[in-house]
Amino acid sequence: MSAAPHRTPTDDPDSAGTPGEALAIERAQRLTDVVTRLRRALRSSIRTDYPWESLPMAQVELLQTLAVAPLRVGELAARQRLAPNTVSGLVGKLLEAGFVDRQADPGDRRTARIALTAAGHQQLADWQHAHERRIAAALATLSPADHDAVMAALPGLEQLAKALAGNGTREP
């Protein structure tokens, strides 16, 4: 079975009507593709270069959120835009691994907050350092012009992430 052909904005009669809109959609498609490939390549290479790193991305994202402050499962679910039962399952895995624990909620003793343990903080720091080393090594292989272009794009990408977060989508 063959995959459906990649559609461009000009292939779809219902897509953007003006050349400017078509160009904006084309650029958005290209950016989406590059970001997806970057994330996939990083996940793949990190597990090749650092085999101990097997934590699923959803769990890493929960650890990153909990690094700021302990939260209830419902609060975690809202921040991650996931179903509470999904977050409960992820938290269960993190509890088993010793990366989080349950603490009494001082505002409501009937509920618990999830907090990072020392092991959770260390796991998150190790994850971050491994990614930084991997990205630094990859950046070092780029030509000076490409390296400079990537670095020059960072402020705009940061603003794009903020804009997307403000529109109800989760930051990567």
N, C-alpha and C. Protein backbone atom coordinates (compact mmCIF):
# COMPACT_ATOMS: atom_id res chain seq x y z
N MET A 1 0.85 -1.18 0.00
CA MET A 1 0.00 0.00 0.00
C MET A 1 0.88 1.23 0.00
N SER A 2 0.62 2.15 -0.89
CA SER A 2 1.44 3.35 -0.96
C SER A 2 0.84 4.45 -0.11
N ALA A 3 1.70 5.31 0.35
CA ALA A 3 1.26 6.42 1.18
C ALA A 3 0.59 7.47 0.30
N ALA A 4 -0.28 8.23 0.92
CA ALA A 4 -0.94 9.31 0.19
C ALA A 4 0.11 10.33 -0.22
N PRO A 5 -0.02 10.93 -1.37
CA PRO A 5 0.97 11.93 -1.79
C PRO A 5 0.91 13.14 -0.88
N HIS A 6 2.07 13.76 -0.70
CA HIS A 6 2.14 14.98 0.11
C HIS A 6 1.40 16.09 -0.64
N ARG A 7 0.48 16.74 0.05
CA ARG A 7 -0.29 17.80 -0.57
C ARG A 7 0.32 19.15 -0.21
N THR A 8 0.38 19.99 -1.15
CA THR A 8 0.83 21.36 -0.92
C THR A 8 -0.39 22.25 -0.91
N PRO A 9 -0.26 23.45 -0.37
CA PRO A 9 -1.41 24.35 -0.32
C PRO A 9 -2.05 24.58 -1.68
N THR A 10 -1.26 24.57 -2.74
CA THR A 10 -1.82 24.83 -4.05
C THR A 10 -2.55 23.62 -4.63
N ASP A 11 -2.35 22.41 -4.04
CA ASP A 11 -3.05 21.21 -4.48
C ASP A 11 -4.50 21.20 -4.01
N ASP A 12 -4.79 21.90 -2.94
CA ASP A 12 -6.09 21.85 -2.30
C ASP A 12 -6.88 23.10 -2.67
N PRO A 13 -7.96 22.92 -3.42
CA PRO A 13 -8.74 24.11 -3.83
C PRO A 13 -9.38 24.83 -2.65
N ASP A 14 -9.54 24.15 -1.52
CA ASP A 14 -10.16 24.78 -0.35
C ASP A 14 -9.13 25.46 0.55
N SER A 15 -7.84 25.39 0.20
CA SER A 15 -6.81 25.98 1.05
C SER A 15 -6.77 27.48 0.83
N ALA A 16 -5.76 28.09 1.44
CA ALA A 16 -5.62 29.54 1.40
C ALA A 16 -5.79 30.08 -0.01
N GLY A 17 -6.48 31.22 -0.10
CA GLY A 17 -6.83 31.74 -1.40
C GLY A 17 -5.81 32.66 -2.03
N THR A 18 -5.01 33.35 -1.26
CA THR A 18 -4.06 34.30 -1.85
C THR A 18 -2.66 33.69 -1.90
N PRO A 19 -1.82 34.21 -2.76
CA PRO A 19 -0.44 33.71 -2.79
C PRO A 19 0.27 33.88 -1.45
N GLY A 20 0.00 34.97 -0.74
CA GLY A 20 0.62 35.19 0.56
C GLY A 20 0.18 34.15 1.58
N GLU A 21 -1.11 33.81 1.56
CA GLU A 21 -1.61 32.78 2.47
C GLU A 21 -1.02 31.42 2.12
N ALA A 22 -0.92 31.14 0.83
CA ALA A 22 -0.34 29.86 0.39
C ALA A 22 1.11 29.76 0.82
N LEU A 23 1.86 30.85 0.70
CA LEU A 23 3.26 30.86 1.12
C LEU A 23 3.37 30.65 2.63
N ALA A 24 2.50 31.28 3.40
CA ALA A 24 2.52 31.13 4.85
C ALA A 24 2.24 29.66 5.23
N ILE A 25 1.31 29.04 4.56
CA ILE A 25 1.00 27.63 4.85
C ILE A 25 2.17 26.74 4.45
N GLU A 26 2.77 27.02 3.31
CA GLU A 26 3.93 26.23 2.87
C GLU A 26 5.07 26.34 3.88
N ARG A 27 5.32 27.54 4.38
CA ARG A 27 6.39 27.74 5.37
C ARG A 27 6.04 27.02 6.68
N ALA A 28 4.79 27.07 7.07
CA ALA A 28 4.36 26.38 8.29
C ALA A 28 4.53 24.87 8.13
N GLN A 29 4.22 24.35 6.95
CA GLN A 29 4.42 22.92 6.70
C GLN A 29 5.90 22.56 6.80
N ARG A 30 6.75 23.38 6.23
CA ARG A 30 8.19 23.12 6.26
C ARG A 30 8.71 23.15 7.70
N LEU A 31 8.29 24.14 8.46
CA LEU A 31 8.71 24.25 9.86
C LEU A 31 8.22 23.05 10.65
N THR A 32 6.98 22.67 10.45
CA THR A 32 6.42 21.50 11.15
C THR A 32 7.25 20.26 10.83
N ASP A 33 7.58 20.09 9.57
CA ASP A 33 8.38 18.93 9.16
C ASP A 33 9.75 18.95 9.82
N VAL A 34 10.42 20.09 9.82
CA VAL A 34 11.77 20.18 10.39
C VAL A 34 11.72 19.93 11.90
N VAL A 35 10.76 20.53 12.60
CA VAL A 35 10.66 20.33 14.04
C VAL A 35 10.40 18.86 14.35
N THR A 36 9.51 18.23 13.60
CA THR A 36 9.21 16.81 13.81
C THR A 36 10.46 15.96 13.61
N ARG A 37 11.20 16.23 12.53
CA ARG A 37 12.43 15.46 12.27
C ARG A 37 13.50 15.71 13.32
N LEU A 38 13.61 16.95 13.80
CA LEU A 38 14.57 17.26 14.87
C LEU A 38 14.24 16.47 16.14
N ARG A 39 12.99 16.49 16.53
CA ARG A 39 12.59 15.77 17.75
C ARG A 39 12.83 14.28 17.60
N ARG A 40 12.47 13.72 16.45
CA ARG A 40 12.66 12.29 16.21
C ARG A 40 14.15 11.95 16.22
N ALA A 41 14.96 12.76 15.54
CA ALA A 41 16.40 12.50 15.49
C ALA A 41 17.03 12.61 16.88
N LEU A 42 16.61 13.58 17.66
CA LEU A 42 17.16 13.73 18.99
C LEU A 42 16.78 12.55 19.88
N ARG A 43 15.51 12.16 19.84
CA ARG A 43 15.08 11.01 20.64
C ARG A 43 15.85 9.76 20.25
N SER A 44 15.99 9.56 18.95
CA SER A 44 16.69 8.36 18.46
C SER A 44 18.17 8.40 18.82
N SER A 45 18.83 9.52 18.58
CA SER A 45 20.26 9.59 18.83
C SER A 45 20.57 9.54 20.32
N ILE A 46 19.72 10.10 21.14
CA ILE A 46 20.00 10.12 22.57
C ILE A 46 19.97 8.70 23.11
N ARG A 47 19.08 7.88 22.58
CA ARG A 47 18.99 6.50 23.06
C ARG A 47 20.11 5.64 22.49
N THR A 48 20.66 6.05 21.36
CA THR A 48 21.81 5.34 20.80
C THR A 48 23.08 5.73 21.55
N ASP A 49 23.26 7.02 21.75
CA ASP A 49 24.47 7.51 22.41
C ASP A 49 24.44 7.31 23.93
N TYR A 50 23.25 7.32 24.50
CA TYR A 50 23.08 7.18 25.95
C TYR A 50 22.01 6.12 26.21
N PRO A 51 22.37 4.82 26.13
CA PRO A 51 21.38 3.76 26.22
C PRO A 51 20.60 3.74 27.53
N TRP A 52 21.16 4.33 28.59
CA TRP A 52 20.44 4.38 29.86
C TRP A 52 19.21 5.27 29.77
N GLU A 53 19.16 6.15 28.79
CA GLU A 53 18.06 7.11 28.67
C GLU A 53 16.88 6.44 27.96
N SER A 54 15.98 5.89 28.74
CA SER A 54 14.83 5.22 28.13
C SER A 54 13.51 5.81 28.60
N LEU A 55 13.57 6.90 29.32
CA LEU A 55 12.35 7.52 29.83
C LEU A 55 11.52 8.06 28.68
N PRO A 56 10.25 7.65 28.59
CA PRO A 56 9.40 8.19 27.51
C PRO A 56 9.25 9.71 27.64
N MET A 57 9.07 10.35 26.51
CA MET A 57 8.99 11.81 26.48
C MET A 57 7.84 12.33 27.36
N ALA A 58 6.73 11.62 27.39
CA ALA A 58 5.60 12.07 28.22
C ALA A 58 6.00 12.13 29.69
N GLN A 59 6.81 11.18 30.14
CA GLN A 59 7.27 11.19 31.53
C GLN A 59 8.28 12.31 31.76
N VAL A 60 9.15 12.54 30.80
CA VAL A 60 10.11 13.63 30.91
C VAL A 60 9.36 14.96 31.03
N GLU A 61 8.33 15.14 30.22
CA GLU A 61 7.56 16.39 30.26
C GLU A 61 6.89 16.57 31.62
N LEU A 62 6.41 15.48 32.22
CA LEU A 62 5.84 15.59 33.57
C LEU A 62 6.92 15.99 34.58
N LEU A 63 8.10 15.38 34.48
CA LEU A 63 9.19 15.75 35.38
C LEU A 63 9.54 17.22 35.22
N GLN A 64 9.58 17.70 33.98
CA GLN A 64 9.91 19.11 33.74
C GLN A 64 8.86 20.02 34.39
N THR A 65 7.61 19.65 34.28
CA THR A 65 6.53 20.45 34.88
C THR A 65 6.62 20.42 36.40
N LEU A 66 6.91 19.24 36.96
CA LEU A 66 7.00 19.12 38.41
C LEU A 66 8.26 19.75 38.99
N ALA A 67 9.26 20.01 38.16
CA ALA A 67 10.48 20.66 38.63
C ALA A 67 10.19 22.07 39.12
N VAL A 68 9.12 22.66 38.61
CA VAL A 68 8.75 24.02 39.02
C VAL A 68 8.09 24.00 40.39
N ALA A 69 7.15 23.07 40.58
CA ALA A 69 6.44 22.97 41.86
C ALA A 69 5.60 21.69 41.87
N PRO A 70 5.36 21.13 43.06
CA PRO A 70 4.47 19.97 43.16
C PRO A 70 3.05 20.35 42.71
N LEU A 71 2.37 19.40 42.08
CA LEU A 71 1.01 19.65 41.59
C LEU A 71 0.14 18.42 41.83
N ARG A 72 -1.17 18.65 41.85
CA ARG A 72 -2.12 17.54 41.89
C ARG A 72 -2.23 16.94 40.49
N VAL A 73 -2.70 15.71 40.42
CA VAL A 73 -2.82 15.03 39.13
C VAL A 73 -3.69 15.84 38.17
N GLY A 74 -4.78 16.38 38.66
CA GLY A 74 -5.66 17.18 37.81
C GLY A 74 -4.97 18.42 37.26
N GLU A 75 -4.15 19.06 38.08
CA GLU A 75 -3.39 20.23 37.63
C GLU A 75 -2.35 19.83 36.59
N LEU A 76 -1.69 18.69 36.82
CA LEU A 76 -0.72 18.19 35.84
C LEU A 76 -1.41 17.91 34.52
N ALA A 77 -2.57 17.26 34.59
CA ALA A 77 -3.31 16.93 33.37
C ALA A 77 -3.68 18.19 32.60
N ALA A 78 -4.13 19.21 33.31
CA ALA A 78 -4.51 20.47 32.66
C ALA A 78 -3.30 21.13 32.02
N ARG A 79 -2.19 21.16 32.73
CA ARG A 79 -0.98 21.81 32.18
C ARG A 79 -0.43 21.07 30.98
N GLN A 80 -0.51 19.74 31.00
CA GLN A 80 0.02 18.94 29.91
C GLN A 80 -1.01 18.70 28.81
N ARG A 81 -2.24 19.13 29.07
CA ARG A 81 -3.35 18.92 28.15
C ARG A 81 -3.52 17.44 27.82
N LEU A 82 -3.56 16.66 28.90
CA LEU A 82 -3.76 15.23 28.81
C LEU A 82 -4.94 14.85 29.69
N ALA A 83 -5.49 13.69 29.44
CA ALA A 83 -6.59 13.19 30.28
C ALA A 83 -6.04 12.83 31.66
N PRO A 84 -6.81 13.10 32.71
CA PRO A 84 -6.34 12.77 34.06
C PRO A 84 -5.94 11.30 34.23
N ASN A 85 -6.67 10.38 33.60
CA ASN A 85 -6.31 8.97 33.74
C ASN A 85 -4.98 8.66 33.06
N THR A 86 -4.66 9.36 31.98
CA THR A 86 -3.37 9.21 31.31
C THR A 86 -2.26 9.69 32.24
N VAL A 87 -2.46 10.84 32.86
CA VAL A 87 -1.46 11.39 33.78
C VAL A 87 -1.32 10.47 34.99
N SER A 88 -2.42 9.92 35.49
CA SER A 88 -2.34 8.99 36.62
C SER A 88 -1.46 7.80 36.27
N GLY A 89 -1.60 7.27 35.06
CA GLY A 89 -0.77 6.15 34.63
C GLY A 89 0.70 6.52 34.55
N LEU A 90 0.97 7.71 33.99
CA LEU A 90 2.36 8.19 33.90
C LEU A 90 2.96 8.41 35.28
N VAL A 91 2.16 8.99 36.18
CA VAL A 91 2.62 9.24 37.54
C VAL A 91 2.91 7.91 38.24
N GLY A 92 2.07 6.91 37.98
CA GLY A 92 2.31 5.58 38.56
C GLY A 92 3.66 5.02 38.17
N LYS A 93 4.01 5.17 36.91
CA LYS A 93 5.32 4.70 36.43
C LYS A 93 6.45 5.48 37.10
N LEU A 94 6.27 6.79 37.24
CA LEU A 94 7.29 7.62 37.87
C LEU A 94 7.41 7.31 39.36
N LEU A 95 6.28 6.98 40.01
CA LEU A 95 6.32 6.56 41.42
C LEU A 95 7.11 5.27 41.56
N GLU A 96 6.84 4.29 40.67
CA GLU A 96 7.55 3.01 40.69
C GLU A 96 9.04 3.21 40.51
N ALA A 97 9.41 4.15 39.66
CA ALA A 97 10.83 4.41 39.39
C ALA A 97 11.49 5.21 40.50
N GLY A 98 10.69 5.77 41.40
CA GLY A 98 11.23 6.57 42.50
C GLY A 98 11.54 8.01 42.12
N PHE A 99 11.01 8.47 40.98
CA PHE A 99 11.29 9.83 40.53
C PHE A 99 10.33 10.86 41.11
N VAL A 100 9.18 10.42 41.60
CA VAL A 100 8.21 11.31 42.23
C VAL A 100 7.67 10.62 43.48
N ASP A 101 7.05 11.43 44.33
CA ASP A 101 6.32 10.86 45.46
C ASP A 101 5.06 11.69 45.68
N ARG A 102 4.20 11.16 46.50
CA ARG A 102 2.95 11.86 46.83
C ARG A 102 3.15 12.59 48.15
N GLN A 103 2.69 13.83 48.18
CA GLN A 103 2.75 14.63 49.39
C GLN A 103 1.35 15.09 49.73
N ALA A 104 1.07 15.22 51.02
CA ALA A 104 -0.23 15.76 51.42
C ALA A 104 -0.33 17.19 50.91
N ASP A 105 -1.51 17.53 50.40
CA ASP A 105 -1.76 18.89 49.92
C ASP A 105 -2.12 19.74 51.14
N PRO A 106 -1.31 20.76 51.46
CA PRO A 106 -1.61 21.55 52.65
C PRO A 106 -2.95 22.27 52.57
N GLY A 107 -3.44 22.53 51.37
CA GLY A 107 -4.72 23.22 51.23
C GLY A 107 -5.92 22.29 51.27
N ASP A 108 -5.71 20.98 51.07
CA ASP A 108 -6.80 20.02 51.05
C ASP A 108 -6.23 18.65 51.38
N ARG A 109 -6.35 18.25 52.62
CA ARG A 109 -5.75 16.99 53.09
C ARG A 109 -6.34 15.76 52.39
N ARG A 110 -7.45 15.90 51.68
CA ARG A 110 -8.06 14.76 50.97
C ARG A 110 -7.33 14.46 49.66
N THR A 111 -6.53 15.39 49.19
CA THR A 111 -5.82 15.19 47.92
C THR A 111 -4.31 15.18 48.16
N ALA A 112 -3.62 14.70 47.16
CA ALA A 112 -2.15 14.65 47.24
C ALA A 112 -1.56 15.44 46.09
N ARG A 113 -0.41 15.97 46.36
CA ARG A 113 0.36 16.62 45.30
C ARG A 113 1.50 15.68 44.92
N ILE A 114 1.87 15.74 43.66
CA ILE A 114 2.97 14.94 43.16
C ILE A 114 4.20 15.83 43.13
N ALA A 115 5.29 15.35 43.69
CA ALA A 115 6.52 16.14 43.77
C ALA A 115 7.71 15.30 43.29
N LEU A 116 8.70 15.98 42.74
CA LEU A 116 9.93 15.30 42.34
C LEU A 116 10.70 14.88 43.58
N THR A 117 11.30 13.71 43.51
CA THR A 117 12.23 13.27 44.54
C THR A 117 13.63 13.71 44.13
N ALA A 118 14.60 13.47 44.99
CA ALA A 118 15.98 13.77 44.63
C ALA A 118 16.38 12.97 43.39
N ALA A 119 15.93 11.72 43.31
CA ALA A 119 16.22 10.89 42.13
C ALA A 119 15.55 11.47 40.88
N GLY A 120 14.36 12.03 41.03
CA GLY A 120 13.68 12.65 39.90
C GLY A 120 14.41 13.89 39.41
N HIS A 121 14.88 14.69 40.34
CA HIS A 121 15.67 15.88 39.97
C HIS A 121 16.94 15.45 39.24
N GLN A 122 17.59 14.39 39.75
CA GLN A 122 18.83 13.92 39.12
C GLN A 122 18.56 13.35 37.74
N GLN A 123 17.47 12.59 37.60
CA GLN A 123 17.11 12.02 36.29
C GLN A 123 16.85 13.13 35.28
N LEU A 124 16.14 14.15 35.71
CA LEU A 124 15.85 15.27 34.82
C LEU A 124 17.14 16.02 34.45
N ALA A 125 18.01 16.24 35.40
CA ALA A 125 19.29 16.91 35.11
C ALA A 125 20.13 16.06 34.15
N ASP A 126 20.17 14.74 34.38
CA ASP A 126 20.93 13.85 33.49
C ASP A 126 20.36 13.89 32.08
N TRP A 127 19.03 13.87 31.98
CA TRP A 127 18.35 13.92 30.68
C TRP A 127 18.72 15.22 29.97
N GLN A 128 18.65 16.33 30.70
CA GLN A 128 18.95 17.63 30.11
C GLN A 128 20.41 17.71 29.65
N HIS A 129 21.33 17.24 30.47
CA HIS A 129 22.75 17.29 30.11
C HIS A 129 23.04 16.40 28.90
N ALA A 130 22.43 15.23 28.84
CA ALA A 130 22.64 14.35 27.69
C ALA A 130 22.17 15.02 26.41
N HIS A 131 21.01 15.67 26.47
CA HIS A 131 20.50 16.36 25.29
C HIS A 131 21.39 17.54 24.91
N GLU A 132 21.84 18.27 25.89
CA GLU A 132 22.72 19.41 25.60
C GLU A 132 24.01 18.95 24.94
N ARG A 133 24.60 17.86 25.45
CA ARG A 133 25.84 17.33 24.85
C ARG A 133 25.58 16.87 23.42
N ARG A 134 24.46 16.21 23.19
CA ARG A 134 24.14 15.68 21.86
C ARG A 134 23.93 16.83 20.88
N ILE A 135 23.19 17.84 21.29
CA ILE A 135 22.93 18.98 20.41
C ILE A 135 24.22 19.76 20.16
N ALA A 136 25.04 19.94 21.20
CA ALA A 136 26.31 20.65 21.02
C ALA A 136 27.20 19.92 20.02
N ALA A 137 27.23 18.59 20.11
CA ALA A 137 28.04 17.80 19.17
C ALA A 137 27.51 17.96 17.75
N ALA A 138 26.20 17.95 17.59
CA ALA A 138 25.61 18.10 16.25
C ALA A 138 25.86 19.50 15.70
N LEU A 139 25.73 20.52 16.56
CA LEU A 139 25.99 21.89 16.13
C LEU A 139 27.43 22.06 15.66
N ALA A 140 28.35 21.35 16.30
CA ALA A 140 29.76 21.46 15.95
C ALA A 140 30.05 20.90 14.55
N THR A 141 29.15 20.09 14.02
CA THR A 141 29.35 19.52 12.68
C THR A 141 28.86 20.46 11.58
N LEU A 142 28.12 21.49 11.95
CA LEU A 142 27.56 22.41 10.95
C LEU A 142 28.63 23.39 10.46
N SER A 143 28.40 23.89 9.28
CA SER A 143 29.26 24.96 8.78
C SER A 143 29.05 26.18 9.67
N PRO A 144 30.01 27.09 9.73
CA PRO A 144 29.82 28.30 10.53
C PRO A 144 28.55 29.07 10.14
N ALA A 145 28.27 29.13 8.85
CA ALA A 145 27.07 29.86 8.41
C ALA A 145 25.80 29.18 8.90
N ASP A 146 25.73 27.84 8.81
CA ASP A 146 24.54 27.12 9.29
C ASP A 146 24.42 27.22 10.81
N HIS A 147 25.55 27.11 11.50
CA HIS A 147 25.55 27.25 12.96
C HIS A 147 25.00 28.62 13.35
N ASP A 148 25.50 29.66 12.70
CA ASP A 148 25.04 31.03 12.99
C ASP A 148 23.56 31.18 12.66
N ALA A 149 23.10 30.57 11.58
CA ALA A 149 21.68 30.66 11.20
C ALA A 149 20.80 30.00 12.25
N VAL A 150 21.22 28.84 12.75
CA VAL A 150 20.46 28.16 13.79
C VAL A 150 20.39 29.03 15.04
N MET A 151 21.52 29.56 15.45
CA MET A 151 21.55 30.38 16.66
C MET A 151 20.74 31.67 16.48
N ALA A 152 20.79 32.25 15.30
CA ALA A 152 20.02 33.48 15.03
C ALA A 152 18.52 33.21 15.04
N ALA A 153 18.12 31.98 14.74
CA ALA A 153 16.70 31.64 14.70
C ALA A 153 16.11 31.43 16.10
N LEU A 154 16.95 31.22 17.11
CA LEU A 154 16.44 30.89 18.45
C LEU A 154 15.47 31.92 19.04
N PRO A 155 15.76 33.21 19.00
CA PRO A 155 14.79 34.16 19.57
C PRO A 155 13.42 34.07 18.89
N GLY A 156 13.41 33.94 17.59
CA GLY A 156 12.14 33.81 16.89
C GLY A 156 11.42 32.52 17.24
N LEU A 157 12.17 31.43 17.37
CA LEU A 157 11.56 30.15 17.75
C LEU A 157 11.00 30.22 19.18
N GLU A 158 11.71 30.92 20.07
CA GLU A 158 11.20 31.10 21.43
C GLU A 158 9.88 31.87 21.42
N GLN A 159 9.81 32.91 20.61
CA GLN A 159 8.56 33.69 20.51
C GLN A 159 7.45 32.85 19.88
N LEU A 160 7.81 32.03 18.90
CA LEU A 160 6.82 31.14 18.28
C LEU A 160 6.27 30.16 19.30
N ALA A 161 7.14 29.59 20.15
CA ALA A 161 6.69 28.67 21.19
C ALA A 161 5.73 29.37 22.15
N LYS A 162 6.05 30.61 22.52
CA LYS A 162 5.17 31.38 23.41
C LYS A 162 3.82 31.65 22.73
N ALA A 163 3.86 32.01 21.46
CA ALA A 163 2.63 32.29 20.73
C ALA A 163 1.76 31.05 20.64
N LEU A 164 2.37 29.91 20.39
CA LEU A 164 1.61 28.66 20.31
C LEU A 164 1.03 28.30 21.67
N ALA A 165 1.82 28.48 22.73
CA ALA A 165 1.34 28.17 24.08
C ALA A 165 0.16 29.08 24.43
N GLY A 166 0.20 30.32 23.97
CA GLY A 166 -0.89 31.25 24.23
C GLY A 166 -2.15 30.91 23.47
N ASN A 167 -2.02 30.12 22.40
CA ASN A 167 -3.18 29.72 21.61
C ASN A 167 -3.73 28.38 22.03
N GLY A 168 -3.33 27.90 23.21
CA GLY A 168 -3.91 26.66 23.72
C GLY A 168 -3.19 25.41 23.31
N THR A 169 -2.01 25.53 22.71
CA THR A 169 -1.26 24.32 22.39
C THR A 169 -0.08 24.22 23.32
N ARG A 170 0.36 23.02 23.55
CA ARG A 170 1.44 22.74 24.47
C ARG A 170 2.76 23.05 23.82
N GLU A 171 3.70 23.61 24.63
CA GLU A 171 5.04 23.82 24.11
C GLU A 171 5.74 22.48 23.94
N PRO A 172 6.64 22.33 22.97
CA PRO A 172 7.37 21.07 22.79
C PRO A 172 8.30 20.74 23.90
